[in-house]
Amino acid sequence: MKRIFLAVAIATAALNIFAPAIGHAQDYIVNGHSASKAEAQFLASYSAPAGHWQVDGYGFSRVADEHPAPPVVKTAGRKCWYVLDVQLCD
């Protein structure tokens, strides 16, 4: 019985030491901050690649690596819009 307990303890320690998520925790950015150990293990358990991730109550999703589009500058011209791919203007 002691041998089984010792084998389980050694296996558990080895998994905690050599888990891939722990070594790459700094590669994950979760909700705008560096991932904690638990967050890194969660993402690694789903084979998620390193990068920026959004984690919420609905699950997790990859954050786009591109910058958001610049705001549209309003001009003092005509106001136009599209209805069923037909451009309509004032």
PDB file of N, CA and C in Angstrom:
ATOM      1  N   MET A   1       0.819  -1.179   0.000  1.00  0.00           N
ATOM      2  CA  MET A   1       0.000   0.000   0.000  1.00  0.00           C
ATOM      3  C   MET A   1       0.869   1.252   0.000  1.00  0.00           C
ATOM      4  N   LYS A   2       1.967   1.199   0.732  1.00  0.00           N
ATOM      5  CA  LYS A   2       2.857   2.359   0.769  1.00  0.00           C
ATOM      6  C   LYS A   2       3.502   2.599  -0.587  1.00  0.00           C
ATOM      7  N   ARG A   3       3.785   1.532  -1.317  1.00  0.00           N
ATOM      8  CA  ARG A   3       4.406   1.681  -2.635  1.00  0.00           C
ATOM      9  C   ARG A   3       3.443   2.347  -3.629  1.00  0.00           C
ATOM     10  N   ILE A   4       2.176   1.981  -3.562  1.00  0.00           N
ATOM     11  CA  ILE A   4       1.182   2.582  -4.461  1.00  0.00           C
ATOM     12  C   ILE A   4       1.034   4.065  -4.152  1.00  0.00           C
ATOM     13  N   PHE A   5       0.944   4.378  -2.854  1.00  0.00           N
ATOM     14  CA  PHE A   5       0.826   5.777  -2.456  1.00  0.00           C
ATOM     15  C   PHE A   5       2.062   6.559  -2.896  1.00  0.00           C
ATOM     16  N   LEU A   6       3.224   5.994  -2.731  1.00  0.00           N
ATOM     17  CA  LEU A   6       4.466   6.657  -3.128  1.00  0.00           C
ATOM     18  C   LEU A   6       4.511   6.853  -4.643  1.00  0.00           C
ATOM     19  N   ALA A   7       4.066   5.857  -5.402  1.00  0.00           N
ATOM     20  CA  ALA A   7       4.055   5.976  -6.863  1.00  0.00           C
ATOM     21  C   ALA A   7       3.082   7.058  -7.309  1.00  0.00           C
ATOM     22  N   VAL A   8       1.922   7.136  -6.689  1.00  0.00           N
ATOM     23  CA  VAL A   8       0.942   8.173  -7.037  1.00  0.00           C
ATOM     24  C   VAL A   8       1.484   9.550  -6.667  1.00  0.00           C
ATOM     25  N   ALA A   9       2.127   9.662  -5.532  1.00  0.00           N
ATOM     26  CA  ALA A   9       2.693  10.944  -5.109  1.00  0.00           C
ATOM     27  C   ALA A   9       3.791  11.394  -6.061  1.00  0.00           C
ATOM     28  N   ILE A  10       4.641  10.486  -6.495  1.00  0.00           N
ATOM     29  CA  ILE A  10       5.716  10.831  -7.434  1.00  0.00           C
ATOM     30  C   ILE A  10       5.131  11.221  -8.786  1.00  0.00           C
ATOM     31  N   ALA A  11       4.128  10.498  -9.251  1.00  0.00           N
ATOM     32  CA  ALA A  11       3.499  10.831 -10.535  1.00  0.00           C
ATOM     33  C   ALA A  11       2.822  12.196 -10.479  1.00  0.00           C
ATOM     34  N   THR A  12       2.149  12.492  -9.381  1.00  0.00           N
ATOM     35  CA  THR A  12       1.499  13.799  -9.229  1.00  0.00           C
ATOM     36  C   THR A  12       2.525  14.915  -9.199  1.00  0.00           C
ATOM     37  N   ALA A  13       3.606  14.728  -8.474  1.00  0.00           N
ATOM     38  CA  ALA A  13       4.655  15.739  -8.417  1.00  0.00           C
ATOM     39  C   ALA A  13       5.292  15.946  -9.794  1.00  0.00           C
ATOM     40  N   ALA A  14       5.520  14.856 -10.522  1.00  0.00           N
ATOM     41  CA  ALA A  14       6.118  14.970 -11.855  1.00  0.00           C
ATOM     42  C   ALA A  14       5.188  15.722 -12.803  1.00  0.00           C
ATOM     43  N   LEU A  15       3.887  15.463 -12.736  1.00  0.00           N
ATOM     44  CA  LEU A  15       2.947  16.187 -13.589  1.00  0.00           C
ATOM     45  C   LEU A  15       2.913  17.668 -13.261  1.00  0.00           C
ATOM     46  N   ASN A  16       3.001  18.001 -11.981  1.00  0.00           N
ATOM     47  CA  ASN A  16       3.006  19.414 -11.593  1.00  0.00           C
ATOM     48  C   ASN A  16       4.297  20.107 -12.004  1.00  0.00           C
ATOM     49  N   ILE A  17       5.387  19.396 -11.976  1.00  0.00           N
ATOM     50  CA  ILE A  17       6.679  20.001 -12.321  1.00  0.00           C
ATOM     51  C   ILE A  17       6.828  20.147 -13.827  1.00  0.00           C
ATOM     52  N   PHE A  18       6.438  19.121 -14.575  1.00  0.00           N
ATOM     53  CA  PHE A  18       6.699  19.104 -16.010  1.00  0.00           C
ATOM     54  C   PHE A  18       5.482  19.448 -16.866  1.00  0.00           C
ATOM     55  N   ALA A  19       4.433  19.999 -16.278  1.00  0.00           N
ATOM     56  CA  ALA A  19       3.239  20.360 -17.058  1.00  0.00           C
ATOM     57  C   ALA A  19       3.596  21.462 -18.051  1.00  0.00           C
ATOM     58  N   PRO A  20       3.182  21.338 -19.306  1.00  0.00           N
ATOM     59  CA  PRO A  20       3.551  22.336 -20.305  1.00  0.00           C
ATOM     60  C   PRO A  20       2.930  23.696 -20.061  1.00  0.00           C
ATOM     61  N   ALA A  21       1.792  23.773 -19.406  1.00  0.00           N
ATOM     62  CA  ALA A  21       1.136  25.058 -19.195  1.00  0.00           C
ATOM     63  C   ALA A  21       1.939  25.942 -18.246  1.00  0.00           C
ATOM     64  N   ILE A  22       2.603  25.349 -17.283  1.00  0.00           N
ATOM     65  CA  ILE A  22       3.337  26.130 -16.307  1.00  0.00           C
ATOM     66  C   ILE A  22       4.527  26.814 -16.957  1.00  0.00           C
ATOM     67  N   GLY A  23       5.204  26.122 -17.827  1.00  0.00           N
ATOM     68  CA  GLY A  23       6.376  26.701 -18.484  1.00  0.00           C
ATOM     69  C   GLY A  23       6.032  27.781 -19.479  1.00  0.00           C
ATOM     70  N   HIS A  24       4.804  27.767 -19.990  1.00  0.00           N
ATOM     71  CA  HIS A  24       4.407  28.738 -20.999  1.00  0.00           C
ATOM     72  C   HIS A  24       3.333  29.690 -20.495  1.00  0.00           C
ATOM     73  N   ALA A  25       3.192  29.831 -19.195  1.00  0.00           N
ATOM     74  CA  ALA A  25       2.158  30.709 -18.653  1.00  0.00           C
ATOM     75  C   ALA A  25       2.383  32.149 -19.084  1.00  0.00           C
ATOM     76  N   GLN A  26       3.621  32.565 -19.230  1.00  0.00           N
ATOM     77  CA  GLN A  26       3.897  33.943 -19.631  1.00  0.00           C
ATOM     78  C   GLN A  26       3.549  34.180 -21.095  1.00  0.00           C
ATOM     79  N   ASP A  27       3.339  33.127 -21.893  1.00  0.00           N
ATOM     80  CA  ASP A  27       2.976  33.286 -23.300  1.00  0.00           C
ATOM     81  C   ASP A  27       1.491  33.576 -23.478  1.00  0.00           C
ATOM     82  N   TYR A  28       0.677  33.343 -22.462  1.00  0.00           N
ATOM     83  CA  TYR A  28      -0.758  33.590 -22.546  1.00  0.00           C
ATOM     84  C   TYR A  28      -1.092  34.950 -21.947  1.00  0.00           C
ATOM     85  N   ILE A  29      -1.931  35.698 -22.646  1.00  0.00           N
ATOM     86  CA  ILE A  29      -2.482  36.939 -22.124  1.00  0.00           C
ATOM     87  C   ILE A  29      -3.985  36.717 -22.032  1.00  0.00           C
ATOM     88  N   VAL A  30      -4.527  36.789 -20.823  1.00  0.00           N
ATOM     89  CA  VAL A  30      -5.939  36.517 -20.597  1.00  0.00           C
ATOM     90  C   VAL A  30      -6.609  37.782 -20.063  1.00  0.00           C
ATOM     91  N   ASN A  31      -7.627  38.244 -20.783  1.00  0.00           N
ATOM     92  CA  ASN A  31      -8.384  39.438 -20.394  1.00  0.00           C
ATOM     93  C   ASN A  31      -7.474  40.634 -20.145  1.00  0.00           C
ATOM     94  N   GLY A  32      -6.404  40.749 -20.911  1.00  0.00           N
ATOM     95  CA  GLY A  32      -5.514  41.911 -20.832  1.00  0.00           C
ATOM     96  C   GLY A  32      -4.397  41.801 -19.813  1.00  0.00           C
ATOM     97  N   HIS A  33      -4.251  40.681 -19.116  1.00  0.00           N
ATOM     98  CA  HIS A  33      -3.161  40.519 -18.148  1.00  0.00           C
ATOM     99  C   HIS A  33      -2.484  39.175 -18.373  1.00  0.00           C
ATOM    100  N   SER A  34      -1.310  39.011 -17.788  1.00  0.00           N
ATOM    101  CA  SER A  34      -0.601  37.735 -17.900  1.00  0.00           C
ATOM    102  C   SER A  34      -1.438  36.643 -17.236  1.00  0.00           C
ATOM    103  N   ALA A  35      -1.441  35.487 -17.843  1.00  0.00           N
ATOM    104  CA  ALA A  35      -2.267  34.385 -17.341  1.00  0.00           C
ATOM    105  C   ALA A  35      -1.740  33.859 -16.018  1.00  0.00           C
ATOM    106  N   SER A  36      -2.674  33.525 -15.134  1.00  0.00           N
ATOM    107  CA  SER A  36      -2.287  32.853 -13.900  1.00  0.00           C
ATOM    108  C   SER A  36      -1.998  31.392 -14.219  1.00  0.00           C
ATOM    109  N   LYS A  37      -1.512  30.667 -13.238  1.00  0.00           N
ATOM    110  CA  LYS A  37      -1.206  29.250 -13.440  1.00  0.00           C
ATOM    111  C   LYS A  37      -2.468  28.481 -13.818  1.00  0.00           C
ATOM    112  N   ALA A  38      -3.580  28.768 -13.146  1.00  0.00           N
ATOM    113  CA  ALA A  38      -4.839  28.066 -13.426  1.00  0.00           C
ATOM    114  C   ALA A  38      -5.351  28.402 -14.826  1.00  0.00           C
ATOM    115  N   GLU A  39      -5.253  29.683 -15.228  1.00  0.00           N
ATOM    116  CA  GLU A  39      -5.712  30.071 -16.563  1.00  0.00           C
ATOM    117  C   GLU A  39      -4.854  29.428 -17.649  1.00  0.00           C
ATOM    118  N   ALA A  40      -3.547  29.388 -17.419  1.00  0.00           N
ATOM    119  CA  ALA A  40      -2.651  28.768 -18.392  1.00  0.00           C
ATOM    120  C   ALA A  40      -2.929  27.265 -18.509  1.00  0.00           C
ATOM    121  N   GLN A  41      -3.188  26.611 -17.387  1.00  0.00           N
ATOM    122  CA  GLN A  41      -3.508  25.181 -17.434  1.00  0.00           C
ATOM    123  C   GLN A  41      -4.833  24.948 -18.143  1.00  0.00           C
ATOM    124  N   PHE A  42      -5.801  25.825 -17.932  1.00  0.00           N
ATOM    125  CA  PHE A  42      -7.098  25.704 -18.596  1.00  0.00           C
ATOM    126  C   PHE A  42      -6.930  25.819 -20.107  1.00  0.00           C
ATOM    127  N   LEU A  43      -6.199  26.829 -20.574  1.00  0.00           N
ATOM    128  CA  LEU A  43      -6.004  27.007 -22.010  1.00  0.00           C
ATOM    129  C   LEU A  43      -5.172  25.877 -22.601  1.00  0.00           C
ATOM    130  N   ALA A  44      -4.148  25.443 -21.877  1.00  0.00           N
ATOM    131  CA  ALA A  44      -3.307  24.356 -22.379  1.00  0.00           C
ATOM    132  C   ALA A  44      -4.071  23.037 -22.434  1.00  0.00           C
ATOM    133  N   SER A  45      -5.042  22.849 -21.553  1.00  0.00           N
ATOM    134  CA  SER A  45      -5.813  21.605 -21.577  1.00  0.00           C
ATOM    135  C   SER A  45      -6.664  21.499 -22.846  1.00  0.00           C
ATOM    136  N   TYR A  46      -6.978  22.632 -23.456  1.00  0.00           N
ATOM    137  CA  TYR A  46      -7.705  22.642 -24.725  1.00  0.00           C
ATOM    138  C   TYR A  46      -6.761  22.839 -25.918  1.00  0.00           C
ATOM    139  N   SER A  47      -5.458  22.708 -25.706  1.00  0.00           N
ATOM    140  CA  SER A  47      -4.435  22.865 -26.743  1.00  0.00           C
ATOM    141  C   SER A  47      -4.504  24.229 -27.413  1.00  0.00           C
ATOM    142  N   ALA A  48      -4.795  25.246 -26.641  1.00  0.00           N
ATOM    143  CA  ALA A  48      -4.866  26.608 -27.171  1.00  0.00           C
ATOM    144  C   ALA A  48      -3.444  27.139 -27.377  1.00  0.00           C
ATOM    145  N   PRO A  49      -3.160  27.723 -28.542  1.00  0.00           N
ATOM    146  CA  PRO A  49      -1.824  28.280 -28.761  1.00  0.00           C
ATOM    147  C   PRO A  49      -1.620  29.540 -27.931  1.00  0.00           C
ATOM    148  N   ALA A  50      -0.378  29.908 -27.743  1.00  0.00           N
ATOM    149  CA  ALA A  50      -0.059  31.114 -26.985  1.00  0.00           C
ATOM    150  C   ALA A  50      -0.616  32.327 -27.706  1.00  0.00           C
ATOM    151  N   GLY A  51      -0.982  33.335 -26.954  1.00  0.00           N
ATOM    152  CA  GLY A  51      -1.507  34.558 -27.537  1.00  0.00           C
ATOM    153  C   GLY A  51      -2.483  35.243 -26.600  1.00  0.00           C
ATOM    154  N   HIS A  52      -3.302  36.116 -27.159  1.00  0.00           N
ATOM    155  CA  HIS A  52      -4.276  36.887 -26.395  1.00  0.00           C
ATOM    156  C   HIS A  52      -5.617  36.149 -26.393  1.00  0.00           C
ATOM    157  N   TRP A  53      -6.192  35.988 -25.191  1.00  0.00           N
ATOM    158  CA  TRP A  53      -7.439  35.239 -25.040  1.00  0.00           C
ATOM    159  C   TRP A  53      -8.416  36.014 -24.182  1.00  0.00           C
ATOM    160  N   GLN A  54      -9.695  35.875 -24.483  1.00  0.00           N
ATOM    161  CA  GLN A  54     -10.777  36.437 -23.689  1.00  0.00           C
ATOM    162  C   GLN A  54     -11.482  35.270 -23.012  1.00  0.00           C
ATOM    163  N   VAL A  55     -11.516  35.261 -21.688  1.00  0.00           N
ATOM    164  CA  VAL A  55     -12.162  34.192 -20.935  1.00  0.00           C
ATOM    165  C   VAL A  55     -13.292  34.821 -20.124  1.00  0.00           C
ATOM    166  N   ASP A  56     -14.505  34.284 -20.294  1.00  0.00           N
ATOM    167  CA  ASP A  56     -15.652  34.776 -19.543  1.00  0.00           C
ATOM    168  C   ASP A  56     -16.566  33.603 -19.195  1.00  0.00           C
ATOM    169  N   GLY A  57     -17.759  33.900 -18.758  1.00  0.00           N
ATOM    170  CA  GLY A  57     -18.692  32.859 -18.345  1.00  0.00           C
ATOM    171  C   GLY A  57     -19.178  31.977 -19.473  1.00  0.00           C
ATOM    172  N   TYR A  58     -18.993  32.416 -20.715  1.00  0.00           N
ATOM    173  CA  TYR A  58     -19.449  31.638 -21.858  1.00  0.00           C
ATOM    174  C   TYR A  58     -18.375  30.713 -22.413  1.00  0.00           C
ATOM    175  N   GLY A  59     -17.139  30.868 -21.991  1.00  0.00           N
ATOM    176  CA  GLY A  59     -16.041  30.046 -22.494  1.00  0.00           C
ATOM    177  C   GLY A  59     -14.825  30.922 -22.767  1.00  0.00           C
ATOM    178  N   PHE A  60     -14.072  30.551 -23.793  1.00  0.00           N
ATOM    179  CA  PHE A  60     -12.900  31.348 -24.129  1.00  0.00           C
ATOM    180  C   PHE A  60     -12.843  31.537 -25.640  1.00  0.00           C
ATOM    181  N   SER A  61     -12.256  32.652 -26.048  1.00  0.00           N
ATOM    182  CA  SER A  61     -12.117  32.949 -27.467  1.00  0.00           C
ATOM    183  C   SER A  61     -10.844  33.743 -27.684  1.00  0.00           C
ATOM    184  N   ARG A  62     -10.300  33.626 -28.860  1.00  0.00           N
ATOM    185  CA  ARG A  62      -9.059  34.309 -29.200  1.00  0.00           C
ATOM    186  C   ARG A  62      -9.367  35.760 -29.539  1.00  0.00           C
ATOM    187  N   VAL A  63      -8.564  36.660 -29.008  1.00  0.00           N
ATOM    188  CA  VAL A  63      -8.718  38.081 -29.283  1.00  0.00           C
ATOM    189  C   VAL A  63      -7.965  38.379 -30.569  1.00  0.00           C
ATOM    190  N   ALA A  64      -8.565  39.164 -31.430  1.00  0.00           N
ATOM    191  CA  ALA A  64      -7.921  39.510 -32.699  1.00  0.00           C
ATOM    192  C   ALA A  64      -6.605  40.231 -32.421  1.00  0.00           C
ATOM    193  N   ASP A  65      -5.566  39.838 -33.143  1.00  0.00           N
ATOM    194  CA  ASP A  65      -4.253  40.446 -32.959  1.00  0.00           C
ATOM    195  C   ASP A  65      -4.112  41.776 -33.689  1.00  0.00           C
ATOM    196  N   GLU A  66      -5.092  42.124 -34.484  1.00  0.00           N
ATOM    197  CA  GLU A  66      -4.996  43.365 -35.240  1.00  0.00           C
ATOM    198  C   GLU A  66      -5.536  44.526 -34.417  1.00  0.00           C
ATOM    199  N   HIS A  67      -5.145  45.714 -34.790  1.00  0.00           N
ATOM    200  CA  HIS A  67      -5.612  46.917 -34.107  1.00  0.00           C
ATOM    201  C   HIS A  67      -7.016  47.244 -34.590  1.00  0.00           C
ATOM    202  N   PRO A  68      -7.828  47.844 -33.748  1.00  0.00           N
ATOM    203  CA  PRO A  68      -9.175  48.188 -34.189  1.00  0.00           C
ATOM    204  C   PRO A  68      -9.132  49.239 -35.304  1.00  0.00           C
ATOM    205  N   ALA A  69     -10.172  49.266 -36.102  1.00  0.00           N
ATOM    206  CA  ALA A  69     -10.234  50.220 -37.211  1.00  0.00           C
ATOM    207  C   ALA A  69     -10.306  51.639 -36.668  1.00  0.00           C
ATOM    208  N   PRO A  70      -9.669  52.576 -37.355  1.00  0.00           N
ATOM    209  CA  PRO A  70      -9.739  53.966 -36.886  1.00  0.00           C
ATOM    210  C   PRO A  70     -11.173  54.480 -37.006  1.00  0.00           C
ATOM    211  N   PRO A  71     -11.536  55.438 -36.158  1.00  0.00           N
ATOM    212  CA  PRO A  71     -12.903  55.949 -36.218  1.00  0.00           C
ATOM    213  C   PRO A  71     -13.170  56.650 -37.548  1.00  0.00           C
ATOM    214  N   VAL A  72     -14.396  56.565 -37.989  1.00  0.00           N
ATOM    215  CA  VAL A  72     -14.784  57.195 -39.243  1.00  0.00           C
ATOM    216  C   VAL A  72     -14.999  58.679 -39.002  1.00  0.00           C
ATOM    217  N   VAL A  73     -14.403  59.497 -39.854  1.00  0.00           N
ATOM    218  CA  VAL A  73     -14.538  60.940 -39.731  1.00  0.00           C
ATOM    219  C   VAL A  73     -15.808  61.367 -40.457  1.00  0.00           C
ATOM    220  N   LYS A  74     -16.668  62.077 -39.746  1.00  0.00           N
ATOM    221  CA  LYS A  74     -17.908  62.535 -40.357  1.00  0.00           C
ATOM    222  C   LYS A  74     -17.631  63.800 -41.174  1.00  0.00           C
ATOM    223  N   THR A  75     -18.184  63.836 -42.352  1.00  0.00           N
ATOM    224  CA  THR A  75     -18.041  65.008 -43.204  1.00  0.00           C
ATOM    225  C   THR A  75     -19.367  65.749 -43.266  1.00  0.00           C
ATOM    226  N   ALA A  76     -19.326  66.981 -43.672  1.00  0.00           N
ATOM    227  CA  ALA A  76     -20.531  67.803 -43.734  1.00  0.00           C
ATOM    228  C   ALA A  76     -21.205  67.664 -45.097  1.00  0.00           C
ATOM    229  N   GLY A  77     -21.102  66.515 -45.713  1.00  0.00           N
ATOM    230  CA  GLY A  77     -21.694  66.301 -47.029  1.00  0.00           C
ATOM    231  C   GLY A  77     -23.023  65.587 -46.930  1.00  0.00           C
ATOM    232  N   ARG A  78     -23.337  64.869 -47.977  1.00  0.00           N
ATOM    233  CA  ARG A  78     -24.590  64.129 -48.024  1.00  0.00           C
ATOM    234  C   ARG A  78     -24.550  62.944 -47.072  1.00  0.00           C
ATOM    235  N   LYS A  79     -25.713  62.590 -46.580  1.00  0.00           N
ATOM    236  CA  LYS A  79     -25.820  61.410 -45.725  1.00  0.00           C
ATOM    237  C   LYS A  79     -26.297  60.261 -46.598  1.00  0.00           C
ATOM    238  N   CYS A  80     -25.515  59.183 -46.645  1.00  0.00           N
ATOM    239  CA  CYS A  80     -25.854  58.038 -47.483  1.00  0.00           C
ATOM    240  C   CYS A  80     -25.912  56.771 -46.624  1.00  0.00           C
ATOM    241  N   TRP A  81     -26.725  55.828 -47.062  1.00  0.00           N
ATOM    242  CA  TRP A  81     -26.838  54.538 -46.403  1.00  0.00           C
ATOM    243  C   TRP A  81     -27.212  53.494 -47.442  1.00  0.00           C
ATOM    244  N   TYR A  82     -27.115  52.250 -47.071  1.00  0.00           N
ATOM    245  CA  TYR A  82     -27.421  51.142 -47.987  1.00  0.00           C
ATOM    246  C   TYR A  82     -28.632  50.371 -47.505  1.00  0.00           C
ATOM    247  N   VAL A  83     -29.522  50.061 -48.435  1.00  0.00           N
ATOM    248  CA  VAL A  83     -30.670  49.194 -48.179  1.00  0.00           C
ATOM    249  C   VAL A  83     -30.656  48.125 -49.244  1.00  0.00           C
ATOM    250  N   LEU A  84     -30.488  46.883 -48.837  1.00  0.00           N
ATOM    251  CA  LEU A  84     -30.416  45.756 -49.774  1.00  0.00           C
ATOM    252  C   LEU A  84     -29.403  46.019 -50.869  1.00  0.00           C
ATOM    253  N   ASP A  85     -28.223  46.457 -50.486  1.00  0.00           N
ATOM    254  CA  ASP A  85     -27.102  46.728 -51.400  1.00  0.00           C
ATOM    255  C   ASP A  85     -27.395  47.833 -52.405  1.00  0.00           C
ATOM    256  N   VAL A  86     -28.342  48.695 -52.123  1.00  0.00           N
ATOM    257  CA  VAL A  86     -28.639  49.863 -52.956  1.00  0.00           C
ATOM    258  C   VAL A  86     -28.326  51.099 -52.132  1.00  0.00           C
ATOM    259  N   GLN A  87     -27.475  51.970 -52.679  1.00  0.00           N
ATOM    260  CA  GLN A  87     -27.084  53.171 -51.962  1.00  0.00           C
ATOM    261  C   GLN A  87     -28.180  54.218 -52.079  1.00  0.00           C
ATOM    262  N   LEU A  88     -28.611  54.736 -50.945  1.00  0.00           N
ATOM    263  CA  LEU A  88     -29.593  55.810 -50.880  1.00  0.00           C
ATOM    264  C   LEU A  88     -28.957  57.008 -50.211  1.00  0.00           C
ATOM    265  N   CYS A  89     -29.171  58.218 -50.739  1.00  0.00           N
ATOM    266  CA  CYS A  89     -28.570  59.439 -50.182  1.00  0.00           C
ATOM    267  C   CYS A  89     -29.634  60.507 -50.039  1.00  0.00           C
ATOM    268  N   ASP A  90     -29.409  61.426 -49.092  1.00  0.00           N
ATOM    269  CA  ASP A  90     -30.283  62.596 -48.917  1.00  0.00           C
ATOM    270  C   ASP A  90     -30.016  63.602 -50.007  1.00  0.00           C
TER     271      ASP A  90
END
